[in-house]
Amino acid sequence: MKSNLPQISAQSLIDYFSRLIPLTGEEAEFVASKFHPRLFRKRQFVLQEGDICKVFNFVVSGCLRMYKIDDGGTVHIIQFATEEWWISDIGSFYREQPSVLNIDALEDTVVLQIKHDDLIELYIQAPKFDRIFRILIEKNVVHLQERLLQNISSTGKERYLSFLLQYPQLVNRVPNTQIAAYLGITPEFLSKIRSERLSDKH
């Protein structure tokens, strides 16, 4: 697996970027040289609270979660990331300050990582990527704003329906406890919502 990892990861990323903005062969080679693959086993940390987030992660396969544990020990999941999703503590990454978040693997996960200095060099040497990453950051900000508004004004059922639209591939891959921690509800209430939806369909 180790010998195939770089080739698989690079092509996956190039295909992803090319769907946003077409790349030249030279640009594809350059961006591939700046990203490096890594395998995280299930339950392995990608980032731990107190550490500085030094990389942007592009998920090639598997599933990661970003979360915060409050003083009472409750887990609050901020984001899931599956195939072709990005995940990083952006504040820690750009400010180079200790993170208050954790990122770990819910499945064996292959990611493609770029360091801060390499990302800046990518912006300078290939300005097209400055635009691409600006689009990615803008989408992330919009998503977080929508999520904040949902938490303020939506019911648990409405948040679950939104989750199904955003992460349809996760319903059967992630335990109820993880989905409930993302939605801010109890696993029992989530089971009730799911039961009601099944009843409505019959």
Protein backbone atom coordinates (compact mmCIF):
# COMPACT_ATOMS: atom_id res chain seq x y z
CA MET A 1 0.00 0.00 0.00
CA LYS A 2 2.78 2.41 0.86
CA SER A 3 4.26 2.49 -2.66
CA ASN A 4 0.86 3.21 -4.25
CA LEU A 5 -0.18 5.88 -1.75
CA PRO A 6 1.48 8.96 -3.34
CA GLN A 7 0.26 8.18 -6.87
CA ILE A 8 -3.32 7.52 -5.79
CA SER A 9 -3.47 10.60 -3.59
CA ALA A 10 -1.95 12.97 -6.14
CA GLN A 11 -4.32 11.94 -8.90
CA SER A 12 -7.35 12.23 -6.64
CA LEU A 13 -6.36 15.79 -5.74
CA ILE A 14 -5.55 16.80 -9.32
CA ASP A 15 -8.95 15.54 -10.47
CA TYR A 16 -10.61 17.52 -7.68
CA PHE A 17 -8.82 20.77 -8.52
CA SER A 18 -9.41 20.30 -12.26
CA ARG A 19 -13.17 20.21 -11.68
CA LEU A 20 -12.92 23.63 -10.02
CA ILE A 21 -10.46 25.25 -12.43
CA PRO A 22 -8.69 23.37 -15.29
CA LEU A 23 -4.99 22.82 -14.61
CA THR A 24 -2.09 22.71 -17.02
CA GLY A 25 0.21 19.71 -16.89
CA GLU A 26 2.87 21.84 -15.23
CA GLU A 27 0.44 23.10 -12.59
CA ALA A 28 -0.73 19.55 -11.89
CA GLU A 29 2.84 18.38 -11.35
CA PHE A 30 3.65 21.36 -9.15
CA VAL A 31 0.66 20.95 -6.87
CA ALA A 32 1.28 17.21 -6.59
CA SER A 33 4.81 17.93 -5.39
CA LYS A 34 3.52 20.09 -2.54
CA PHE A 35 1.03 17.61 -1.09
CA HIS A 36 2.08 14.50 0.78
CA PRO A 37 -0.05 11.45 1.58
CA ARG A 38 -0.52 10.00 5.04
CA LEU A 39 -2.50 7.11 6.43
CA PHE A 40 -4.30 7.47 9.76
CA ARG A 41 -5.66 4.36 11.42
CA LYS A 42 -9.08 4.34 13.06
CA ARG A 43 -9.05 6.39 16.30
CA GLN A 44 -5.65 7.91 15.50
CA PHE A 45 -5.31 11.66 16.05
CA VAL A 46 -4.66 13.99 13.13
CA LEU A 47 -4.63 16.99 15.48
CA GLN A 48 -4.86 17.23 19.27
CA GLU A 49 -6.00 20.16 21.37
CA GLY A 50 -3.00 22.27 22.38
CA ASP A 51 -0.99 21.46 19.25
CA ILE A 52 -0.56 23.88 16.35
CA CYS A 53 -2.37 22.80 13.19
CA LYS A 54 0.44 22.68 10.63
CA VAL A 55 -1.32 21.12 7.62
CA PHE A 56 -4.41 21.31 5.45
CA ASN A 57 -5.94 17.85 5.01
CA PHE A 58 -7.67 16.63 1.84
CA VAL A 59 -9.45 13.32 2.43
CA VAL A 60 -8.78 10.71 -0.25
CA SER A 61 -10.61 7.87 1.50
CA GLY A 62 -12.07 7.28 4.94
CA CYS A 63 -13.67 9.63 7.46
CA LEU A 64 -12.35 12.20 9.93
CA ARG A 65 -14.13 14.25 12.54
CA MET A 66 -13.24 17.59 14.14
CA TYR A 67 -14.56 18.12 17.64
CA LYS A 68 -14.31 19.88 20.99
CA ILE A 69 -14.69 18.31 24.43
CA ASP A 70 -16.25 20.69 26.94
CA ASP A 71 -15.46 20.91 30.67
CA GLY A 72 -18.19 18.39 31.41
CA GLY A 73 -16.67 15.80 29.08
CA THR A 74 -19.33 16.17 26.38
CA VAL A 75 -18.12 15.80 22.79
CA HIS A 76 -19.29 18.46 20.32
CA ILE A 77 -18.57 17.49 16.70
CA ILE A 78 -17.99 20.49 14.44
CA GLN A 79 -17.31 18.74 11.15
CA PHE A 80 -17.07 15.37 9.44
CA ALA A 81 -14.82 14.97 6.42
CA THR A 82 -15.11 12.09 3.97
CA GLU A 83 -13.85 11.60 0.43
CA GLU A 84 -12.92 14.88 -1.32
CA TRP A 85 -13.57 17.01 1.77
CA TRP A 86 -11.07 19.33 3.44
CA ILE A 87 -10.55 19.49 7.18
CA SER A 88 -8.27 21.67 9.29
CA ASP A 89 -8.38 24.06 12.24
CA ILE A 90 -8.12 27.09 9.97
CA GLY A 91 -7.58 29.55 12.83
CA SER A 92 -4.69 27.54 14.26
CA PHE A 93 -3.26 26.90 10.79
CA TYR A 94 -3.10 30.54 9.68
CA ARG A 95 -2.34 32.13 13.06
CA GLU A 96 0.11 29.39 14.04
CA GLN A 97 -1.49 29.23 17.49
CA PRO A 98 -2.37 26.17 19.61
CA SER A 99 -5.64 24.55 18.56
CA VAL A 100 -8.62 24.19 20.87
CA LEU A 101 -9.95 21.37 18.69
CA ASN A 102 -9.25 17.72 18.00
CA ILE A 103 -9.29 15.86 14.69
CA ASP A 104 -9.25 12.06 14.61
CA ALA A 105 -10.11 9.17 12.31
CA LEU A 106 -13.44 7.36 12.54
CA GLU A 107 -12.19 4.92 9.89
CA ASP A 108 -8.79 4.09 8.44
CA THR A 109 -8.25 7.26 6.42
CA VAL A 110 -5.86 8.36 3.68
CA VAL A 111 -5.29 12.11 3.49
CA LEU A 112 -3.20 14.40 1.36
CA GLN A 113 -1.52 17.15 3.40
CA ILE A 114 0.07 20.49 2.59
CA LYS A 115 2.13 22.52 5.06
CA HIS A 116 1.64 26.26 5.61
CA ASP A 117 4.89 27.31 3.92
CA ASP A 118 4.23 25.06 0.92
CA LEU A 119 0.73 26.51 0.57
CA ILE A 120 2.13 30.05 0.51
CA GLU A 121 4.69 29.00 -2.11
CA LEU A 122 1.88 27.45 -4.13
CA TYR A 123 -0.01 30.77 -4.05
CA ILE A 124 3.06 32.67 -5.24
CA GLN A 125 4.31 30.26 -7.90
CA ALA A 126 0.87 29.29 -9.25
CA PRO A 127 -1.62 32.14 -8.51
CA LYS A 128 -4.50 30.00 -9.77
CA PHE A 129 -4.37 28.13 -6.46
CA ASP A 130 -4.75 31.35 -4.51
CA ARG A 131 -8.15 31.68 -6.19
CA ILE A 132 -9.00 28.01 -5.64
CA PHE A 133 -8.26 28.11 -1.93
CA ARG A 134 -10.13 31.39 -1.56
CA ILE A 135 -13.19 29.63 -3.00
CA LEU A 136 -12.71 26.75 -0.56
CA ILE A 137 -12.39 29.09 2.43
CA GLU A 138 -15.45 31.09 1.34
CA LYS A 139 -17.51 27.90 1.08
CA ASN A 140 -16.34 26.86 4.53
CA VAL A 141 -17.32 30.23 6.04
CA VAL A 142 -20.78 30.04 4.43
CA HIS A 143 -21.26 26.51 5.76
CA LEU A 144 -20.24 27.49 9.29
CA GLN A 145 -22.58 30.49 9.20
CA GLU A 146 -25.47 28.31 8.08
CA ARG A 147 -24.63 25.78 10.80
CA LEU A 148 -24.60 28.52 13.45
CA LEU A 149 -27.99 29.78 12.32
CA GLN A 150 -29.38 26.24 12.39
CA ASN A 151 -28.19 25.72 15.94
CA ILE A 152 -29.92 28.94 16.96
CA SER A 153 -33.23 28.58 15.16
CA SER A 154 -33.77 24.98 13.94
CA THR A 155 -35.28 21.98 15.68
CA GLY A 156 -33.33 18.75 16.14
CA LYS A 157 -35.37 17.17 13.35
CA GLU A 158 -34.62 20.04 10.98
CA ARG A 159 -30.90 19.76 11.77
CA TYR A 160 -31.03 16.03 11.06
CA LEU A 161 -32.70 16.59 7.68
CA SER A 162 -30.00 19.13 6.85
CA PHE A 163 -27.37 16.58 7.90
CA LEU A 164 -28.85 14.04 5.49
CA LEU A 165 -28.48 16.53 2.64
CA GLN A 166 -24.92 17.48 3.52
CA TYR A 167 -23.57 14.07 4.50
CA PRO A 168 -25.80 11.46 2.77
CA GLN A 169 -22.90 9.01 2.64
CA LEU A 170 -22.43 9.05 6.42
CA VAL A 171 -25.81 7.82 7.63
CA ASN A 172 -24.77 4.17 7.47
CA ARG A 173 -21.05 4.74 8.14
CA VAL A 174 -21.13 6.70 11.39
CA PRO A 175 -22.68 5.52 14.70
CA ASN A 176 -25.76 7.30 16.03
CA THR A 177 -23.71 8.64 18.93
CA GLN A 178 -21.44 10.52 16.51
CA ILE A 179 -24.31 11.96 14.48
CA ALA A 180 -26.09 13.04 17.67
CA ALA A 181 -22.90 14.78 18.88
CA TYR A 182 -22.81 16.68 15.58
CA LEU A 183 -26.47 17.67 15.80
CA GLY A 184 -26.33 18.64 19.48
CA ILE A 185 -29.01 16.14 20.53
CA THR A 186 -29.05 12.88 22.49
CA PRO A 187 -28.71 9.50 20.69
CA GLU A 188 -32.16 8.60 22.09
CA PHE A 189 -33.74 11.66 20.50
CA LEU A 190 -31.99 10.88 17.21
CA SER A 191 -33.43 7.35 17.28
CA LYS A 192 -36.87 8.85 17.86
CA ILE A 193 -36.45 11.18 14.85
CA ARG A 194 -35.38 8.28 12.66
CA SER A 195 -38.32 6.16 13.81
CA GLU A 196 -40.77 8.98 13.06
CA ARG A 197 -39.31 9.39 9.55
CA LEU A 198 -39.70 5.67 8.89
CA SER A 199 -43.30 5.81 10.09
CA ASP A 200 -44.04 8.82 7.84
CA LYS A 201 -42.81 6.87 4.81
CA HIS A 202 -45.26 4.00 5.43
